[in-house]
């Protein structure tokens, strides 16, 4: 586990390159959001399309595979209190389907690395309360995501 992230695999072989990329992205997210001195961390699970489909059905009542699911442990307003108290706590869980990442990388005509990095940063921002439902929210979230990707050198 990196200081800020714990990575697990569900029905997939562990991949050091995935671990390194995800750790780099999460560490940059923590740096940009001034969380590097906190004791919070994120759990990331990499899995396949079948498993993420089951989770999507169970928790969102959507019967299809998706690319990434985020399960925050706190509401946006609660995070400041968790940080103030300084307890070691999981901020939330990100679950990523490697098969869906592969499909989308081809579909969007960019690298697997770029798509996996994007899914990771996208999941992170959902965990800290960002969203993309409203147009203005989406603009803010996309700017933050692009900043992380640019600063880590993971470009289109």
N, C-alpha and C. Protein backbone atom coordinates (compact mmCIF):
# COMPACT_ATOMS: atom_id res chain seq x y z
N UNK A 1 0.84 -1.19 0.00
CA UNK A 1 0.00 0.00 0.00
C UNK A 1 0.87 1.23 0.00
N UNK A 2 0.54 2.19 -0.88
CA UNK A 2 1.16 3.51 -0.80
C UNK A 2 0.57 4.19 0.41
N UNK A 3 1.15 5.28 0.84
CA UNK A 3 0.65 5.99 2.01
C UNK A 3 -0.83 6.37 1.87
N UNK A 4 -1.23 6.73 0.67
CA UNK A 4 -2.58 7.25 0.46
C UNK A 4 -3.55 6.27 -0.18
N UNK A 5 -3.05 5.11 -0.58
CA UNK A 5 -3.90 4.21 -1.34
C UNK A 5 -3.59 2.75 -1.01
N UNK A 6 -4.65 1.98 -0.97
CA UNK A 6 -4.55 0.52 -0.81
C UNK A 6 -5.19 -0.08 -2.06
N UNK A 7 -4.44 -0.93 -2.76
CA UNK A 7 -4.92 -1.49 -4.02
C UNK A 7 -5.14 -2.99 -3.86
N UNK A 8 -6.31 -3.43 -4.30
CA UNK A 8 -6.67 -4.84 -4.24
C UNK A 8 -7.13 -5.30 -5.62
N UNK A 9 -7.09 -6.59 -5.80
CA UNK A 9 -7.51 -7.19 -7.06
C UNK A 9 -8.60 -8.22 -6.79
N UNK A 10 -9.66 -8.16 -7.59
CA UNK A 10 -10.77 -9.10 -7.47
C UNK A 10 -10.88 -9.86 -8.78
N UNK A 11 -10.47 -11.12 -8.74
CA UNK A 11 -10.47 -12.00 -9.90
C UNK A 11 -9.58 -11.50 -11.03
N UNK A 12 -8.51 -10.81 -10.67
CA UNK A 12 -7.48 -10.38 -11.62
C UNK A 12 -6.12 -10.62 -10.98
N UNK A 13 -5.12 -10.82 -11.83
CA UNK A 13 -3.75 -10.94 -11.34
C UNK A 13 -3.23 -9.55 -10.99
N UNK A 14 -2.46 -9.47 -9.92
CA UNK A 14 -1.86 -8.20 -9.55
C UNK A 14 -0.92 -7.72 -10.65
N UNK A 15 -0.91 -6.42 -10.88
CA UNK A 15 -0.09 -5.83 -11.93
C UNK A 15 0.66 -4.63 -11.33
N UNK A 16 1.97 -4.72 -11.28
CA UNK A 16 2.80 -3.68 -10.67
C UNK A 16 2.66 -2.35 -11.42
N UNK A 17 2.53 -2.40 -12.74
CA UNK A 17 2.37 -1.16 -13.52
C UNK A 17 1.07 -0.44 -13.14
N UNK A 18 -0.01 -1.20 -12.97
CA UNK A 18 -1.27 -0.60 -12.53
C UNK A 18 -1.08 0.03 -11.14
N UNK A 19 -0.45 -0.73 -10.25
CA UNK A 19 -0.23 -0.23 -8.89
C UNK A 19 0.55 1.08 -8.90
N UNK A 20 1.62 1.12 -9.69
CA UNK A 20 2.45 2.32 -9.74
C UNK A 20 1.69 3.52 -10.29
N UNK A 21 0.92 3.30 -11.35
CA UNK A 21 0.15 4.40 -11.96
C UNK A 21 -0.92 4.90 -10.99
N UNK A 22 -1.67 4.00 -10.41
CA UNK A 22 -2.75 4.40 -9.49
C UNK A 22 -2.17 5.12 -8.28
N UNK A 23 -1.07 4.63 -7.74
CA UNK A 23 -0.44 5.29 -6.60
C UNK A 23 0.03 6.69 -6.98
N UNK A 24 0.63 6.83 -8.16
CA UNK A 24 1.09 8.15 -8.62
C UNK A 24 -0.09 9.12 -8.75
N UNK A 25 -1.17 8.66 -9.32
CA UNK A 25 -2.35 9.52 -9.51
C UNK A 25 -2.97 9.91 -8.17
N UNK A 26 -3.17 8.95 -7.30
CA UNK A 26 -3.78 9.25 -5.99
C UNK A 26 -2.87 10.18 -5.18
N UNK A 27 -1.57 9.94 -5.20
CA UNK A 27 -0.65 10.83 -4.48
C UNK A 27 -0.73 12.25 -5.00
N UNK A 28 -0.85 12.41 -6.32
CA UNK A 28 -0.97 13.76 -6.90
C UNK A 28 -2.31 14.39 -6.49
N UNK A 29 -3.37 13.60 -6.46
CA UNK A 29 -4.67 14.11 -6.00
C UNK A 29 -4.55 14.62 -4.56
N UNK A 30 -3.90 13.83 -3.71
CA UNK A 30 -3.72 14.23 -2.32
C UNK A 30 -2.91 15.52 -2.23
N UNK A 31 -1.88 15.63 -3.05
CA UNK A 31 -1.05 16.84 -3.04
C UNK A 31 -1.85 18.06 -3.49
N UNK A 32 -2.55 17.95 -4.59
CA UNK A 32 -3.32 19.08 -5.13
C UNK A 32 -4.42 19.51 -4.17
N UNK A 33 -5.03 18.55 -3.49
CA UNK A 33 -6.12 18.87 -2.56
C UNK A 33 -5.63 19.09 -1.13
N UNK A 34 -4.31 19.20 -0.95
CA UNK A 34 -3.68 19.45 0.36
C UNK A 34 -4.10 18.43 1.41
N UNK A 35 -4.07 17.17 1.03
CA UNK A 35 -4.45 16.08 1.93
C UNK A 35 -3.24 15.23 2.32
N UNK A 36 -2.04 15.57 1.85
CA UNK A 36 -0.89 14.69 2.05
C UNK A 36 -0.49 14.52 3.51
N UNK A 37 -0.86 15.44 4.38
CA UNK A 37 -0.55 15.30 5.81
C UNK A 37 -1.66 14.58 6.58
N UNK A 38 -2.74 14.26 5.90
CA UNK A 38 -3.87 13.61 6.58
C UNK A 38 -3.57 12.12 6.78
N UNK A 39 -4.40 11.49 7.56
CA UNK A 39 -4.27 10.05 7.80
C UNK A 39 -5.33 9.26 7.01
N UNK A 40 -6.01 9.95 6.11
CA UNK A 40 -7.02 9.25 5.31
C UNK A 40 -6.35 8.54 4.14
N UNK A 41 -7.01 7.53 3.64
CA UNK A 41 -6.51 6.82 2.47
C UNK A 41 -7.70 6.33 1.66
N UNK A 42 -7.40 5.84 0.48
CA UNK A 42 -8.42 5.37 -0.45
C UNK A 42 -8.17 3.91 -0.77
N UNK A 43 -9.23 3.15 -0.86
CA UNK A 43 -9.15 1.76 -1.28
C UNK A 43 -9.55 1.68 -2.75
N UNK A 44 -8.69 1.08 -3.56
CA UNK A 44 -8.98 0.89 -4.99
C UNK A 44 -9.00 -0.61 -5.26
N UNK A 45 -10.06 -1.06 -5.88
CA UNK A 45 -10.17 -2.46 -6.28
C UNK A 45 -10.25 -2.53 -7.80
N UNK A 46 -9.38 -3.33 -8.39
CA UNK A 46 -9.40 -3.56 -9.83
C UNK A 46 -10.05 -4.91 -10.07
N UNK A 47 -10.98 -4.94 -11.01
CA UNK A 47 -11.74 -6.16 -11.25
C UNK A 47 -12.10 -6.30 -12.71
N UNK A 48 -13.02 -7.19 -13.01
CA UNK A 48 -13.46 -7.42 -14.38
C UNK A 48 -14.88 -6.89 -14.59
N UNK A 49 -15.35 -6.98 -15.81
CA UNK A 49 -16.68 -6.45 -16.15
C UNK A 49 -17.81 -7.18 -15.44
N UNK A 50 -17.69 -8.48 -15.26
CA UNK A 50 -18.75 -9.23 -14.58
C UNK A 50 -18.93 -8.77 -13.14
N UNK A 51 -17.84 -8.60 -12.43
CA UNK A 51 -17.93 -8.17 -11.03
C UNK A 51 -18.47 -6.75 -10.91
N UNK A 52 -18.01 -5.86 -11.75
CA UNK A 52 -18.49 -4.48 -11.64
C UNK A 52 -19.96 -4.38 -12.06
N UNK A 53 -20.37 -5.25 -12.98
CA UNK A 53 -21.78 -5.30 -13.38
C UNK A 53 -22.65 -5.70 -12.18
N UNK A 54 -22.21 -6.71 -11.43
CA UNK A 54 -22.94 -7.14 -10.24
C UNK A 54 -23.03 -6.02 -9.21
N UNK A 55 -21.93 -5.33 -9.00
CA UNK A 55 -21.92 -4.22 -8.04
C UNK A 55 -22.81 -3.07 -8.51
N UNK A 56 -22.79 -2.79 -9.79
CA UNK A 56 -23.61 -1.73 -10.36
C UNK A 56 -25.09 -2.05 -10.18
N UNK A 57 -25.45 -3.31 -10.37
CA UNK A 57 -26.84 -3.73 -10.18
C UNK A 57 -27.23 -3.65 -8.70
N UNK A 58 -26.34 -4.13 -7.84
CA UNK A 58 -26.64 -4.17 -6.41
C UNK A 58 -26.78 -2.76 -5.81
N UNK A 59 -25.88 -1.85 -6.16
CA UNK A 59 -25.85 -0.54 -5.50
C UNK A 59 -26.51 0.59 -6.27
N UNK A 60 -26.66 0.41 -7.59
CA UNK A 60 -27.25 1.50 -8.38
C UNK A 60 -28.48 1.04 -9.16
N UNK A 61 -28.79 -0.26 -9.05
CA UNK A 61 -29.93 -0.84 -9.75
C UNK A 61 -29.83 -0.65 -11.27
N UNK A 62 -28.58 -0.70 -11.77
CA UNK A 62 -28.32 -0.61 -13.21
C UNK A 62 -27.68 -1.93 -13.63
N UNK A 63 -28.34 -2.61 -14.55
CA UNK A 63 -27.89 -3.95 -14.91
C UNK A 63 -26.96 -3.93 -16.13
N UNK A 64 -25.82 -3.28 -15.96
CA UNK A 64 -24.79 -3.28 -17.00
C UNK A 64 -23.44 -3.00 -16.36
N UNK A 65 -22.40 -3.39 -17.09
CA UNK A 65 -21.05 -3.10 -16.61
C UNK A 65 -20.80 -1.60 -16.75
N UNK A 66 -19.98 -1.08 -15.89
CA UNK A 66 -19.56 0.31 -15.97
C UNK A 66 -18.06 0.36 -15.81
N UNK A 67 -17.48 1.52 -15.98
CA UNK A 67 -16.02 1.64 -15.91
C UNK A 67 -15.53 1.81 -14.48
N UNK A 68 -16.18 2.68 -13.72
CA UNK A 68 -15.72 2.98 -12.36
C UNK A 68 -16.91 3.23 -11.45
N UNK A 69 -16.79 2.74 -10.23
CA UNK A 69 -17.77 3.02 -9.18
C UNK A 69 -17.03 3.64 -8.01
N UNK A 70 -17.65 4.62 -7.39
CA UNK A 70 -17.06 5.27 -6.21
C UNK A 70 -18.04 5.17 -5.06
N UNK A 71 -17.52 4.78 -3.91
CA UNK A 71 -18.34 4.66 -2.71
C UNK A 71 -17.72 5.49 -1.60
N UNK A 72 -18.13 6.76 -1.49
CA UNK A 72 -17.57 7.61 -0.43
C UNK A 72 -18.06 7.18 0.94
N UNK A 73 -17.19 7.33 1.92
CA UNK A 73 -17.55 7.00 3.30
C UNK A 73 -18.16 8.21 4.01
N UNK A 74 -17.95 9.40 3.45
CA UNK A 74 -18.40 10.63 4.12
C UNK A 74 -19.08 11.55 3.13
N UNK A 75 -19.98 12.36 3.66
CA UNK A 75 -20.54 13.45 2.88
C UNK A 75 -19.47 14.53 2.76
N UNK A 76 -19.58 15.37 1.76
CA UNK A 76 -18.57 16.41 1.50
C UNK A 76 -18.31 17.25 2.76
N UNK A 77 -19.38 17.60 3.47
CA UNK A 77 -19.25 18.45 4.67
C UNK A 77 -18.55 17.72 5.81
N UNK A 78 -18.64 16.41 5.86
CA UNK A 78 -18.05 15.63 6.94
C UNK A 78 -16.53 15.47 6.80
N UNK A 79 -16.03 15.58 5.58
CA UNK A 79 -14.62 15.35 5.32
C UNK A 79 -13.74 16.32 6.11
N UNK A 80 -14.14 17.57 6.17
CA UNK A 80 -13.35 18.56 6.92
C UNK A 80 -13.21 18.17 8.39
N UNK A 81 -14.26 17.64 8.98
CA UNK A 81 -14.21 17.20 10.38
C UNK A 81 -13.29 16.00 10.54
N UNK A 82 -13.35 15.06 9.61
CA UNK A 82 -12.47 13.90 9.66
C UNK A 82 -11.01 14.35 9.57
N UNK A 83 -10.74 15.30 8.70
CA UNK A 83 -9.38 15.83 8.56
C UNK A 83 -8.95 16.57 9.83
N UNK A 84 -9.86 17.35 10.41
CA UNK A 84 -9.53 18.12 11.61
C UNK A 84 -9.19 17.21 12.78
N UNK A 85 -9.95 16.15 12.95
CA UNK A 85 -9.74 15.22 14.04
C UNK A 85 -8.46 14.41 13.84
N UNK A 86 -8.11 14.16 12.56
CA UNK A 86 -6.86 13.48 12.26
C UNK A 86 -6.86 11.98 12.47
N UNK A 87 -8.02 11.36 12.34
CA UNK A 87 -8.07 9.91 12.52
C UNK A 87 -7.67 9.20 11.23
N UNK A 88 -7.13 8.00 11.38
CA UNK A 88 -6.83 7.18 10.20
C UNK A 88 -8.14 6.57 9.75
N UNK A 89 -8.52 6.86 8.53
CA UNK A 89 -9.83 6.44 8.05
C UNK A 89 -9.80 6.30 6.54
N UNK A 90 -10.54 5.34 6.01
CA UNK A 90 -10.68 5.21 4.57
C UNK A 90 -11.67 6.27 4.09
N UNK A 91 -11.25 7.03 3.10
CA UNK A 91 -12.10 8.07 2.53
C UNK A 91 -13.22 7.45 1.70
N UNK A 92 -12.92 6.29 1.13
CA UNK A 92 -13.91 5.59 0.34
C UNK A 92 -13.27 4.56 -0.55
N UNK A 93 -14.11 3.91 -1.34
CA UNK A 93 -13.68 2.84 -2.23
C UNK A 93 -13.91 3.24 -3.68
N UNK A 94 -12.92 2.93 -4.50
CA UNK A 94 -13.04 3.08 -5.95
C UNK A 94 -12.90 1.68 -6.53
N UNK A 95 -13.83 1.33 -7.40
CA UNK A 95 -13.77 0.03 -8.07
C UNK A 95 -13.70 0.30 -9.57
N UNK A 96 -12.70 -0.28 -10.21
CA UNK A 96 -12.46 -0.03 -11.64
C UNK A 96 -12.45 -1.36 -12.38
N UNK A 97 -13.17 -1.40 -13.49
CA UNK A 97 -13.15 -2.58 -14.35
C UNK A 97 -12.04 -2.40 -15.38
N UNK A 98 -11.03 -3.25 -15.31
CA UNK A 98 -9.92 -3.20 -16.25
C UNK A 98 -10.41 -3.48 -17.67
N UNK A 99 -11.36 -4.39 -17.83
CA UNK A 99 -11.91 -4.68 -19.17
C UNK A 99 -12.60 -3.45 -19.76
N UNK A 100 -13.34 -2.73 -18.94
CA UNK A 100 -14.01 -1.52 -19.44
C UNK A 100 -13.00 -0.43 -19.76
N UNK A 101 -11.94 -0.34 -18.97
CA UNK A 101 -10.86 0.63 -19.25
C UNK A 101 -10.25 0.32 -20.62
N UNK A 102 -9.99 -0.95 -20.88
CA UNK A 102 -9.42 -1.35 -22.18
C UNK A 102 -10.35 -0.96 -23.33
N UNK A 103 -11.64 -1.24 -23.19
CA UNK A 103 -12.62 -0.90 -24.23
C UNK A 103 -12.66 0.60 -24.47
N UNK A 104 -12.72 1.37 -23.39
CA UNK A 104 -12.84 2.82 -23.54
C UNK A 104 -11.57 3.46 -24.08
N UNK A 105 -10.42 2.92 -23.74
CA UNK A 105 -9.17 3.44 -24.29
C UNK A 105 -9.20 3.34 -25.82
N UNK A 106 -9.68 2.20 -26.33
CA UNK A 106 -9.80 2.03 -27.78
C UNK A 106 -10.86 2.97 -28.35
N UNK A 107 -12.00 3.02 -27.66
CA UNK A 107 -13.11 3.86 -28.13
C UNK A 107 -12.72 5.34 -28.21
N UNK A 108 -11.99 5.83 -27.21
CA UNK A 108 -11.59 7.24 -27.17
C UNK A 108 -10.25 7.49 -27.84
N UNK A 109 -9.66 6.42 -28.37
CA UNK A 109 -8.40 6.52 -29.10
C UNK A 109 -7.27 7.13 -28.27
N UNK A 110 -7.15 6.67 -27.05
CA UNK A 110 -5.98 7.03 -26.26
C UNK A 110 -5.48 5.80 -25.51
N UNK A 111 -4.39 5.98 -24.80
CA UNK A 111 -3.72 4.83 -24.20
C UNK A 111 -4.51 4.24 -23.02
N UNK A 112 -4.22 2.97 -22.77
CA UNK A 112 -4.76 2.31 -21.59
C UNK A 112 -4.35 3.08 -20.34
N UNK A 113 -3.08 3.50 -20.27
CA UNK A 113 -2.57 4.25 -19.13
C UNK A 113 -3.41 5.51 -18.88
N UNK A 114 -3.72 6.24 -19.95
CA UNK A 114 -4.51 7.48 -19.82
C UNK A 114 -5.90 7.17 -19.27
N UNK A 115 -6.52 6.10 -19.77
CA UNK A 115 -7.88 5.77 -19.33
C UNK A 115 -7.90 5.29 -17.88
N UNK A 116 -6.93 4.46 -17.50
CA UNK A 116 -6.86 4.00 -16.11
C UNK A 116 -6.59 5.18 -15.18
N UNK A 117 -5.71 6.06 -15.57
CA UNK A 117 -5.42 7.25 -14.76
C UNK A 117 -6.67 8.11 -14.62
N UNK A 118 -7.39 8.29 -15.72
CA UNK A 118 -8.61 9.10 -15.67
C UNK A 118 -9.66 8.47 -14.75
N UNK A 119 -9.87 7.17 -14.85
CA UNK A 119 -10.84 6.50 -13.98
C UNK A 119 -10.46 6.67 -12.51
N UNK A 120 -9.18 6.62 -12.23
CA UNK A 120 -8.69 6.77 -10.85
C UNK A 120 -8.96 8.17 -10.33
N UNK A 121 -8.57 9.19 -11.10
CA UNK A 121 -8.77 10.56 -10.65
C UNK A 121 -10.26 10.90 -10.59
N UNK A 122 -11.03 10.38 -11.52
CA UNK A 122 -12.47 10.60 -11.52
C UNK A 122 -13.10 10.02 -10.25
N UNK A 123 -12.71 8.81 -9.92
CA UNK A 123 -13.20 8.17 -8.69
C UNK A 123 -12.81 8.95 -7.45
N UNK A 124 -11.56 9.43 -7.42
CA UNK A 124 -11.08 10.21 -6.28
C UNK A 124 -11.96 11.44 -6.05
N UNK A 125 -12.24 12.18 -7.11
CA UNK A 125 -13.02 13.41 -6.93
C UNK A 125 -14.45 13.12 -6.51
N UNK A 126 -15.00 12.00 -6.91
CA UNK A 126 -16.31 11.62 -6.37
C UNK A 126 -16.22 11.36 -4.87
N UNK A 127 -15.13 10.74 -4.43
CA UNK A 127 -14.99 10.44 -3.00
C UNK A 127 -14.91 11.70 -2.14
N UNK A 128 -14.39 12.78 -2.70
CA UNK A 128 -14.31 14.00 -1.89
C UNK A 128 -15.48 14.94 -2.16
N UNK A 129 -16.52 14.41 -2.80
CA UNK A 129 -17.77 15.15 -2.91
C UNK A 129 -17.98 15.93 -4.19
N UNK A 130 -17.10 15.79 -5.15
CA UNK A 130 -17.31 16.46 -6.44
C UNK A 130 -18.30 15.65 -7.27
N UNK A 131 -18.98 16.33 -8.18
CA UNK A 131 -19.94 15.64 -9.03
C UNK A 131 -19.95 16.30 -10.40
N UNK A 132 -20.69 15.71 -11.33
CA UNK A 132 -20.76 16.24 -12.68
C UNK A 132 -22.19 16.22 -13.22
N UNK A 133 -23.15 16.32 -12.32
CA UNK A 133 -24.55 16.32 -12.74
C UNK A 133 -24.91 17.68 -13.35
N UNK A 134 -24.60 18.74 -12.63
CA UNK A 134 -24.87 20.09 -13.12
C UNK A 134 -23.71 20.57 -13.99
N UNK A 135 -24.01 21.42 -14.96
CA UNK A 135 -22.99 21.89 -15.91
C UNK A 135 -21.80 22.55 -15.20
N UNK A 136 -22.06 23.39 -14.22
CA UNK A 136 -20.97 24.09 -13.52
C UNK A 136 -20.14 23.11 -12.68
N UNK A 137 -20.82 22.15 -12.04
CA UNK A 137 -20.10 21.12 -11.28
C UNK A 137 -19.19 20.31 -12.20
N UNK A 138 -19.72 19.96 -13.36
CA UNK A 138 -18.96 19.17 -14.32
C UNK A 138 -17.70 19.93 -14.76
N UNK A 139 -17.85 21.22 -15.02
CA UNK A 139 -16.71 22.05 -15.44
C UNK A 139 -15.62 22.05 -14.36
N UNK A 140 -16.01 22.23 -13.11
CA UNK A 140 -15.05 22.25 -12.00
C UNK A 140 -14.36 20.89 -11.86
N UNK A 141 -15.15 19.83 -11.90
CA UNK A 141 -14.58 18.49 -11.74
C UNK A 141 -13.62 18.16 -12.88
N UNK A 142 -14.01 18.47 -14.11
CA UNK A 142 -13.14 18.18 -15.27
C UNK A 142 -11.83 18.97 -15.19
N UNK A 143 -11.90 20.22 -14.74
CA UNK A 143 -10.67 21.02 -14.61
C UNK A 143 -9.73 20.39 -13.58
N UNK A 144 -10.28 19.94 -12.47
CA UNK A 144 -9.46 19.30 -11.44
C UNK A 144 -8.84 18.00 -11.97
N UNK A 145 -9.65 17.21 -12.66
CA UNK A 145 -9.15 15.94 -13.22
C UNK A 145 -8.00 16.19 -14.20
N UNK A 146 -8.19 17.16 -15.09
CA UNK A 146 -7.16 17.47 -16.09
C UNK A 146 -5.88 17.99 -15.44
N UNK A 147 -6.02 18.77 -14.37
CA UNK A 147 -4.85 19.27 -13.66
C UNK A 147 -4.01 18.11 -13.12
N UNK A 148 -4.65 17.13 -12.50
CA UNK A 148 -3.94 15.96 -11.97
C UNK A 148 -3.25 15.22 -13.11
N UNK A 149 -3.98 14.96 -14.18
CA UNK A 149 -3.40 14.20 -15.29
C UNK A 149 -2.24 14.96 -15.93
N UNK A 150 -2.39 16.25 -16.11
CA UNK A 150 -1.31 17.05 -16.69
C UNK A 150 -0.08 17.07 -15.79
N UNK A 151 -0.29 17.24 -14.49
CA UNK A 151 0.84 17.33 -13.57
C UNK A 151 1.55 15.99 -13.36
N UNK A 152 0.89 14.90 -13.68
CA UNK A 152 1.55 13.59 -13.59
C UNK A 152 2.08 13.15 -14.95
N UNK A 153 1.85 13.96 -15.97
CA UNK A 153 2.36 13.65 -17.31
C UNK A 153 1.58 12.58 -18.04
N UNK A 154 0.36 12.32 -17.61
CA UNK A 154 -0.48 11.34 -18.28
C UNK A 154 -1.39 12.11 -19.24
N UNK A 155 -0.92 12.25 -20.45
CA UNK A 155 -1.60 13.08 -21.44
C UNK A 155 -2.37 12.24 -22.44
N UNK A 156 -3.22 12.89 -23.19
CA UNK A 156 -4.03 12.19 -24.21
C UNK A 156 -3.16 11.59 -25.30
